[in-house]
PDB file of N, CA and C in Angstrom:
ATOM      1  N   UNK A   1     113.715  19.198 138.336  1.00  0.00           N
ATOM      2  CA  UNK A   1     113.305  19.410 136.965  1.00  0.00           C
ATOM      3  C   UNK A   1     114.169  18.540 136.061  1.00  0.00           C
ATOM      4  N   UNK A   2     113.538  17.741 135.251  1.00  0.00           N
ATOM      5  CA  UNK A   2     114.261  16.845 134.360  1.00  0.00           C
ATOM      6  C   UNK A   2     114.423  17.467 132.980  1.00  0.00           C
ATOM      7  N   UNK A   3     115.479  17.105 132.322  1.00  0.00           N
ATOM      8  CA  UNK A   3     115.786  17.650 131.007  1.00  0.00           C
ATOM      9  C   UNK A   3     115.389  16.663 129.916  1.00  0.00           C
ATOM     10  N   UNK A   4     114.650  17.137 128.953  1.00  0.00           N
ATOM     11  CA  UNK A   4     114.329  16.322 127.785  1.00  0.00           C
ATOM     12  C   UNK A   4     115.046  16.870 126.560  1.00  0.00           C
ATOM     13  N   UNK A   5     115.757  17.972 126.724  1.00  0.00           N
ATOM     14  CA  UNK A   5     116.497  18.646 125.655  1.00  0.00           C
ATOM     15  C   UNK A   5     115.575  18.975 124.483  1.00  0.00           C
ATOM     16  N   UNK A   6     116.025  18.760 123.265  1.00  0.00           N
ATOM     17  CA  UNK A   6     115.262  19.158 122.081  1.00  0.00           C
ATOM     18  C   UNK A   6     114.432  18.034 121.488  1.00  0.00           C
ATOM     19  N   UNK A   7     114.514  16.846 122.041  1.00  0.00           N
ATOM     20  CA  UNK A   7     113.840  15.698 121.442  1.00  0.00           C
ATOM     21  C   UNK A   7     112.325  15.861 121.330  1.00  0.00           C
ATOM     22  N   UNK A   8     111.614  16.409 122.346  1.00  0.00           N
ATOM     23  CA  UNK A   8     110.171  16.619 122.174  1.00  0.00           C
ATOM     24  C   UNK A   8     109.834  17.551 121.012  1.00  0.00           C
ATOM     25  N   UNK A   9     110.649  18.575 120.808  1.00  0.00           N
ATOM     26  CA  UNK A   9     110.406  19.480 119.678  1.00  0.00           C
ATOM     27  C   UNK A   9     110.618  18.756 118.354  1.00  0.00           C
ATOM     28  N   UNK A  10     111.631  17.908 118.274  1.00  0.00           N
ATOM     29  CA  UNK A  10     111.865  17.142 117.048  1.00  0.00           C
ATOM     30  C   UNK A  10     110.689  16.213 116.764  1.00  0.00           C
ATOM     31  N   UNK A  11     110.195  15.555 117.793  1.00  0.00           N
ATOM     32  CA  UNK A  11     109.044  14.662 117.615  1.00  0.00           C
ATOM     33  C   UNK A  11     107.832  15.468 117.169  1.00  0.00           C
ATOM     34  N   UNK A  12     107.603  16.610 117.797  1.00  0.00           N
ATOM     35  CA  UNK A  12     106.461  17.446 117.442  1.00  0.00           C
ATOM     36  C   UNK A  12     106.521  17.931 116.005  1.00  0.00           C
ATOM     37  N   UNK A  13     107.686  18.389 115.575  1.00  0.00           N
ATOM     38  CA  UNK A  13     107.835  18.852 114.195  1.00  0.00           C
ATOM     39  C   UNK A  13     107.617  17.701 113.222  1.00  0.00           C
ATOM     40  N   UNK A  14     108.138  16.546 113.545  1.00  0.00           N
ATOM     41  CA  UNK A  14     107.969  15.369 112.690  1.00  0.00           C
ATOM     42  C   UNK A  14     106.492  14.995 112.546  1.00  0.00           C
ATOM     43  N   UNK A  15     105.773  14.942 113.668  1.00  0.00           N
ATOM     44  CA  UNK A  15     104.361  14.553 113.644  1.00  0.00           C
ATOM     45  C   UNK A  15     103.498  15.615 112.957  1.00  0.00           C
ATOM     46  N   UNK A  16     103.694  16.871 113.310  1.00  0.00           N
ATOM     47  CA  UNK A  16     102.906  17.942 112.694  1.00  0.00           C
ATOM     48  C   UNK A  16     103.179  18.010 111.193  1.00  0.00           C
ATOM     49  N   UNK A  17     104.413  17.843 110.793  1.00  0.00           N
ATOM     50  CA  UNK A  17     104.744  17.836 109.371  1.00  0.00           C
ATOM     51  C   UNK A  17     104.050  16.719 108.628  1.00  0.00           C
ATOM     52  N   UNK A  18     104.005  15.538 109.242  1.00  0.00           N
ATOM     53  CA  UNK A  18     103.329  14.413 108.599  1.00  0.00           C
ATOM     54  C   UNK A  18     101.812  14.565 108.610  1.00  0.00           C
ATOM     55  N   UNK A  19     101.274  15.239 109.610  1.00  0.00           N
ATOM     56  CA  UNK A  19      99.826  15.476 109.627  1.00  0.00           C
ATOM     57  C   UNK A  19      99.408  16.523 108.604  1.00  0.00           C
ATOM     58  N   UNK A  20     100.224  17.550 108.417  1.00  0.00           N
ATOM     59  CA  UNK A  20      99.842  18.648 107.539  1.00  0.00           C
ATOM     60  C   UNK A  20     100.270  18.463 106.082  1.00  0.00           C
ATOM     61  N   UNK A  21     101.173  17.546 105.798  1.00  0.00           N
ATOM     62  CA  UNK A  21     101.609  17.340 104.413  1.00  0.00           C
ATOM     63  C   UNK A  21     100.449  16.954 103.491  1.00  0.00           C
ATOM     64  N   UNK A  22      99.580  16.004 103.867  1.00  0.00           N
ATOM     65  CA  UNK A  22      98.452  15.701 102.983  1.00  0.00           C
ATOM     66  C   UNK A  22      97.484  16.874 102.838  1.00  0.00           C
ATOM     67  N   UNK A  23      97.360  17.680 103.889  1.00  0.00           N
ATOM     68  CA  UNK A  23      96.474  18.843 103.829  1.00  0.00           C
ATOM     69  C   UNK A  23      97.011  19.854 102.815  1.00  0.00           C
ATOM     70  N   UNK A  24      98.320  20.098 102.840  1.00  0.00           N
ATOM     71  CA  UNK A  24      98.924  21.037 101.893  1.00  0.00           C
ATOM     72  C   UNK A  24      98.786  20.519 100.465  1.00  0.00           C
ATOM     73  N   UNK A  25      99.041  19.235 100.275  1.00  0.00           N
ATOM     74  CA  UNK A  25      98.914  18.645  98.939  1.00  0.00           C
ATOM     75  C   UNK A  25      97.486  18.753  98.434  1.00  0.00           C
ATOM     76  N   UNK A  26      96.515  18.517  99.309  1.00  0.00           N
ATOM     77  CA  UNK A  26      95.111  18.623  98.930  1.00  0.00           C
ATOM     78  C   UNK A  26      94.728  20.066  98.619  1.00  0.00           C
ATOM     79  N   UNK A  27      95.186  20.989  99.439  1.00  0.00           N
ATOM     80  CA  UNK A  27      94.835  22.400  99.226  1.00  0.00           C
ATOM     81  C   UNK A  27      95.369  22.916  97.892  1.00  0.00           C
ATOM     82  N   UNK A  28      96.595  22.552  97.569  1.00  0.00           N
ATOM     83  CA  UNK A  28      97.184  23.047  96.327  1.00  0.00           C
ATOM     84  C   UNK A  28      96.708  22.232  95.125  1.00  0.00           C
ATOM     85  N   UNK A  29      96.710  20.914  95.268  1.00  0.00           N
ATOM     86  CA  UNK A  29      96.374  20.047  94.136  1.00  0.00           C
ATOM     87  C   UNK A  29      94.900  19.996  93.800  1.00  0.00           C
ATOM     88  N   UNK A  30      94.061  19.734  94.794  1.00  0.00           N
ATOM     89  CA  UNK A  30      92.633  19.541  94.538  1.00  0.00           C
ATOM     90  C   UNK A  30      91.878  20.865  94.423  1.00  0.00           C
ATOM     91  N   UNK A  31      92.112  21.754  95.379  1.00  0.00           N
ATOM     92  CA  UNK A  31      91.356  23.002  95.416  1.00  0.00           C
ATOM     93  C   UNK A  31      92.000  24.117  94.601  1.00  0.00           C
ATOM     94  N   UNK A  32      93.232  23.917  94.158  1.00  0.00           N
ATOM     95  CA  UNK A  32      93.905  24.907  93.325  1.00  0.00           C
ATOM     96  C   UNK A  32      94.214  26.219  94.028  1.00  0.00           C
ATOM     97  N   UNK A  33      94.448  26.175  95.332  1.00  0.00           N
ATOM     98  CA  UNK A  33      94.781  27.398  96.069  1.00  0.00           C
ATOM     99  C   UNK A  33      96.189  27.851  95.721  1.00  0.00           C
ATOM    100  N   UNK A  34      96.432  29.125  95.839  1.00  0.00           N
ATOM    101  CA  UNK A  34      97.776  29.637  95.585  1.00  0.00           C
ATOM    102  C   UNK A  34      98.698  29.240  96.737  1.00  0.00           C
ATOM    103  N   UNK A  35      99.968  29.275  96.467  1.00  0.00           N
ATOM    104  CA  UNK A  35     100.949  28.912  97.490  1.00  0.00           C
ATOM    105  C   UNK A  35     100.901  29.890  98.665  1.00  0.00           C
ATOM    106  N   UNK A  36     100.667  31.187  98.375  1.00  0.00           N
ATOM    107  CA  UNK A  36     100.619  32.184  99.451  1.00  0.00           C
ATOM    108  C   UNK A  36      99.420  31.983 100.360  1.00  0.00           C
ATOM    109  N   UNK A  37      98.284  31.658  99.793  1.00  0.00           N
ATOM    110  CA  UNK A  37      97.091  31.410 100.607  1.00  0.00           C
ATOM    111  C   UNK A  37      97.269  30.152 101.445  1.00  0.00           C
ATOM    112  N   UNK A  38      97.838  29.129 100.840  1.00  0.00           N
ATOM    113  CA  UNK A  38      98.111  27.891 101.578  1.00  0.00           C
ATOM    114  C   UNK A  38      99.068  28.160 102.732  1.00  0.00           C
ATOM    115  N   UNK A  39     100.105  28.936 102.472  1.00  0.00           N
ATOM    116  CA  UNK A  39     101.069  29.277 103.512  1.00  0.00           C
ATOM    117  C   UNK A  39     100.416  30.085 104.624  1.00  0.00           C
ATOM    118  N   UNK A  40      99.528  31.005 104.253  1.00  0.00           N
ATOM    119  CA  UNK A  40      98.846  31.834 105.254  1.00  0.00           C
ATOM    120  C   UNK A  40      97.925  31.000 106.143  1.00  0.00           C
ATOM    121  N   UNK A  41      97.407  29.912 105.624  1.00  0.00           N
ATOM    122  CA  UNK A  41      96.525  29.045 106.412  1.00  0.00           C
ATOM    123  C   UNK A  41      97.335  28.030 107.218  1.00  0.00           C
ATOM    124  N   UNK A  42      98.330  27.421 106.593  1.00  0.00           N
ATOM    125  CA  UNK A  42      99.062  26.319 107.209  1.00  0.00           C
ATOM    126  C   UNK A  42     100.031  26.778 108.304  1.00  0.00           C
ATOM    127  N   UNK A  43     100.710  27.901 108.122  1.00  0.00           N
ATOM    128  CA  UNK A  43     101.688  28.338 109.130  1.00  0.00           C
ATOM    129  C   UNK A  43     101.081  28.552 110.516  1.00  0.00           C
ATOM    130  N   UNK A  44      99.997  29.331 110.655  1.00  0.00           N
ATOM    131  CA  UNK A  44      99.415  29.461 112.002  1.00  0.00           C
ATOM    132  C   UNK A  44      98.885  28.130 112.547  1.00  0.00           C
ATOM    133  N   UNK A  45      98.352  27.309 111.654  1.00  0.00           N
ATOM    134  CA  UNK A  45      97.858  25.999 112.080  1.00  0.00           C
ATOM    135  C   UNK A  45      99.003  25.115 112.576  1.00  0.00           C
ATOM    136  N   UNK A  46     100.118  25.141 111.867  1.00  0.00           N
ATOM    137  CA  UNK A  46     101.271  24.337 112.267  1.00  0.00           C
ATOM    138  C   UNK A  46     101.839  24.803 113.607  1.00  0.00           C
ATOM    139  N   UNK A  47     101.941  26.109 113.789  1.00  0.00           N
ATOM    140  CA  UNK A  47     102.461  26.639 115.060  1.00  0.00           C
ATOM    141  C   UNK A  47     101.529  26.278 116.217  1.00  0.00           C
ATOM    142  N   UNK A  48     100.225  26.399 115.996  1.00  0.00           N
ATOM    143  CA  UNK A  48      99.259  26.058 117.045  1.00  0.00           C
ATOM    144  C   UNK A  48      99.319  24.573 117.389  1.00  0.00           C
ATOM    145  N   UNK A  49      99.372  23.718 116.377  1.00  0.00           N
ATOM    146  CA  UNK A  49      99.467  22.276 116.633  1.00  0.00           C
ATOM    147  C   UNK A  49     100.747  21.923 117.369  1.00  0.00           C
ATOM    148  N   UNK A  50     101.834  22.538 116.993  1.00  0.00           N
ATOM    149  CA  UNK A  50     103.102  22.249 117.653  1.00  0.00           C
ATOM    150  C   UNK A  50     103.092  22.700 119.112  1.00  0.00           C
ATOM    151  N   UNK A  51     102.524  23.871 119.374  1.00  0.00           N
ATOM    152  CA  UNK A  51     102.451  24.344 120.761  1.00  0.00           C
ATOM    153  C   UNK A  51     101.539  23.466 121.613  1.00  0.00           C
ATOM    154  N   UNK A  52     100.469  22.967 121.012  1.00  0.00           N
ATOM    155  CA  UNK A  52      99.562  22.073 121.748  1.00  0.00           C
ATOM    156  C   UNK A  52     100.240  20.734 122.030  1.00  0.00           C
ATOM    157  N   UNK A  53     101.046  20.252 121.090  1.00  0.00           N
ATOM    158  CA  UNK A  53     101.688  18.941 121.234  1.00  0.00           C
ATOM    159  C   UNK A  53     102.936  18.958 122.103  1.00  0.00           C
ATOM    160  N   UNK A  54     103.544  20.103 122.306  1.00  0.00           N
ATOM    161  CA  UNK A  54     104.857  20.151 122.940  1.00  0.00           C
ATOM    162  C   UNK A  54     104.861  19.636 124.376  1.00  0.00           C
ATOM    163  N   UNK A  55     103.925  20.058 125.182  1.00  0.00           N
ATOM    164  CA  UNK A  55     103.920  19.629 126.581  1.00  0.00           C
ATOM    165  C   UNK A  55     103.623  18.132 126.745  1.00  0.00           C
ATOM    166  N   UNK A  56     102.603  17.571 126.073  1.00  0.00           N
ATOM    167  CA  UNK A  56     102.405  16.127 126.195  1.00  0.00           C
ATOM    168  C   UNK A  56     103.578  15.309 125.640  1.00  0.00           C
ATOM    169  N   UNK A  57     104.210  15.822 124.595  1.00  0.00           N
ATOM    170  CA  UNK A  57     105.358  15.117 124.034  1.00  0.00           C
ATOM    171  C   UNK A  57     106.524  15.134 125.013  1.00  0.00           C
ATOM    172  N   UNK A  58     106.733  16.265 125.676  1.00  0.00           N
ATOM    173  CA  UNK A  58     107.799  16.336 126.676  1.00  0.00           C
ATOM    174  C   UNK A  58     107.505  15.379 127.830  1.00  0.00           C
ATOM    175  N   UNK A  59     106.254  15.321 128.242  1.00  0.00           N
ATOM    176  CA  UNK A  59     105.878  14.377 129.292  1.00  0.00           C
ATOM    177  C   UNK A  59     106.122  12.934 128.886  1.00  0.00           C
ATOM    178  N   UNK A  60     105.833  12.617 127.638  1.00  0.00           N
ATOM    179  CA  UNK A  60     106.061  11.255 127.147  1.00  0.00           C
ATOM    180  C   UNK A  60     107.555  10.923 127.105  1.00  0.00           C
ATOM    181  N   UNK A  61     108.367  11.881 126.686  1.00  0.00           N
ATOM    182  CA  UNK A  61     109.816  11.650 126.641  1.00  0.00           C
ATOM    183  C   UNK A  61     110.366  11.482 128.052  1.00  0.00           C
ATOM    184  N   UNK A  62     109.939  12.320 128.984  1.00  0.00           N
ATOM    185  CA  UNK A  62     110.401  12.206 130.376  1.00  0.00           C
ATOM    186  C   UNK A  62     109.940  10.869 130.966  1.00  0.00           C
ATOM    187  N   UNK A  63     108.698  10.473 130.688  1.00  0.00           N
ATOM    188  CA  UNK A  63     108.205   9.173 131.156  1.00  0.00           C
ATOM    189  C   UNK A  63     109.007   8.016 130.585  1.00  0.00           C
ATOM    190  N   UNK A  64     109.352   8.103 129.304  1.00  0.00           N
ATOM    191  CA  UNK A  64     110.171   7.068 128.675  1.00  0.00           C
ATOM    192  C   UNK A  64     111.539   6.988 129.345  1.00  0.00           C
ATOM    193  N   UNK A  65     112.148   8.162 129.584  1.00  0.00           N
ATOM    194  CA  UNK A  65     113.451   8.174 130.241  1.00  0.00           C
ATOM    195  C   UNK A  65     113.367   7.597 131.649  1.00  0.00           C
ATOM    196  N   UNK A  66     112.318   7.941 132.375  1.00  0.00           N
ATOM    197  CA  UNK A  66     112.150   7.425 133.743  1.00  0.00           C
ATOM    198  C   UNK A  66     111.939   5.917 133.724  1.00  0.00           C
ATOM    199  N   UNK A  67     111.087   5.459 132.820  1.00  0.00           N
ATOM    200  CA  UNK A  67     110.747   4.028 132.773  1.00  0.00           C
ATOM    201  C   UNK A  67     111.988   3.174 132.494  1.00  0.00           C
ATOM    202  N   UNK A  68     112.856   3.670 131.634  1.00  0.00           N
ATOM    203  CA  UNK A  68     114.041   2.890 131.267  1.00  0.00           C
ATOM    204  C   UNK A  68     115.269   3.257 132.096  1.00  0.00           C
ATOM    205  N   UNK A  69     115.122   4.177 133.036  1.00  0.00           N
ATOM    206  CA  UNK A  69     116.228   4.540 133.926  1.00  0.00           C
ATOM    207  C   UNK A  69     117.401   5.181 133.199  1.00  0.00           C
ATOM    208  N   UNK A  70     117.097   6.054 132.265  1.00  0.00           N
ATOM    209  CA  UNK A  70     118.130   6.689 131.456  1.00  0.00           C
ATOM    210  C   UNK A  70     118.485   8.043 132.059  1.00  0.00           C
ATOM    211  N   UNK A  71     119.752   8.401 132.014  1.00  0.00           N
ATOM    212  CA  UNK A  71     120.204   9.715 132.477  1.00  0.00           C
ATOM    213  C   UNK A  71     120.120   9.851 133.986  1.00  0.00           C
ATOM    214  N   UNK A  72     119.547  10.951 134.452  1.00  0.00           N
ATOM    215  CA  UNK A  72     119.462  11.226 135.889  1.00  0.00           C
ATOM    216  C   UNK A  72     118.509  10.274 136.594  1.00  0.00           C
ATOM    217  N   UNK A  73     117.650   9.619 135.853  1.00  0.00           N
ATOM    218  CA  UNK A  73     116.690   8.711 136.469  1.00  0.00           C
ATOM    219  C   UNK A  73     117.345   7.421 136.939  1.00  0.00           C
ATOM    220  N   UNK A  74     118.550   7.145 136.515  1.00  0.00           N
ATOM    221  CA  UNK A  74     119.238   5.930 136.936  1.00  0.00           C
ATOM    222  C   UNK A  74     119.417   5.929 138.448  1.00  0.00           C
ATOM    223  N   UNK A  75     119.674   7.100 139.035  1.00  0.00           N
ATOM    224  CA  UNK A  75     119.885   7.201 140.474  1.00  0.00           C
ATOM    225  C   UNK A  75     118.588   7.034 141.250  1.00  0.00           C
ATOM    226  N   UNK A  76     117.449   7.344 140.633  1.00  0.00           N
ATOM    227  CA  UNK A  76     116.172   7.314 141.339  1.00  0.00           C
ATOM    228  C   UNK A  76     115.546   5.933 141.379  1.00  0.00           C
ATOM    229  N   UNK A  77     115.976   5.024 140.529  1.00  0.00           N
ATOM    230  CA  UNK A  77     115.369   3.696 140.481  1.00  0.00           C
ATOM    231  C   UNK A  77     115.898   2.843 141.627  1.00  0.00           C
ATOM    232  N   UNK A  78     115.013   2.101 142.241  1.00  0.00           N
ATOM    233  CA  UNK A  78     115.413   1.198 143.312  1.00  0.00           C
ATOM    234  C   UNK A  78     115.776  -0.160 142.717  1.00  0.00           C
ATOM    235  N   UNK A  79     116.689  -0.816 143.371  1.00  0.00           N
ATOM    236  CA  UNK A  79     117.040  -2.173 142.947  1.00  0.00           C
ATOM    237  C   UNK A  79     115.886  -3.111 143.322  1.00  0.00           C
ATOM    238  N   UNK A  80     115.621  -4.121 142.517  1.00  0.00           N
ATOM    239  CA  UNK A  80     114.555  -5.050 142.857  1.00  0.00           C
ATOM    240  C   UNK A  80     114.854  -5.776 144.167  1.00  0.00           C
ATOM    241  N   UNK A  81     113.827  -5.975 144.971  1.00  0.00           N
ATOM    242  CA  UNK A  81     114.014  -6.634 146.255  1.00  0.00           C
ATOM    243  C   UNK A  81     114.188  -8.131 146.042  1.00  0.00           C
ATOM    244  N   UNK A  82     115.110  -8.707 146.808  1.00  0.00           N
ATOM    245  CA  UNK A  82     115.360 -10.139 146.718  1.00  0.00           C
ATOM    246  C   UNK A  82     114.297 -10.883 147.521  1.00  0.00           C
ATOM    247  N   UNK A  83     113.774 -11.961 146.958  1.00  0.00           N
ATOM    248  CA  UNK A  83     112.760 -12.758 147.646  1.00  0.00           C
ATOM    249  C   UNK A  83     113.463 -13.798 148.521  1.00  0.00           C
ATOM    250  N   UNK A  84     112.946 -13.978 149.731  1.00  0.00           N
ATOM    251  CA  UNK A  84     113.493 -14.986 150.632  1.00  0.00           C
ATOM    252  C   UNK A  84     112.878 -16.321 150.293  1.00  0.00           C
ATOM    253  N   UNK A  85     113.739 -17.283 149.934  1.00  0.00           N
ATOM    254  CA  UNK A  85     113.243 -18.619 149.619  1.00  0.00           C
ATOM    255  C   UNK A  85     113.576 -19.546 150.774  1.00  0.00           C
ATOM    256  N   UNK A  86     112.624 -20.403 151.166  1.00  0.00           N
ATOM    257  CA  UNK A  86     112.879 -21.327 152.304  1.00  0.00           C
ATOM    258  C   UNK A  86     113.809 -22.451 151.961  1.00  0.00           C
TER     259      UNK A  86
END
């Protein structure tokens, strides 16, 4: 089991926040909804989006770490094979 620590959660919060910020601005500014109604709609939506994004984001972070041989993946990478030249 590889560790991605908290980085996938940080990425998820960053992305979900940027996706929902225009929605909140539109709900309050254009439609004139109250802050409580906006909060009641946005909070469950934000939690659901974050939970949906968390696993793929963790997979992407683990893949990035593996691809670049960072952390525990350094031991798993094989050295490139030398080509025999005549």
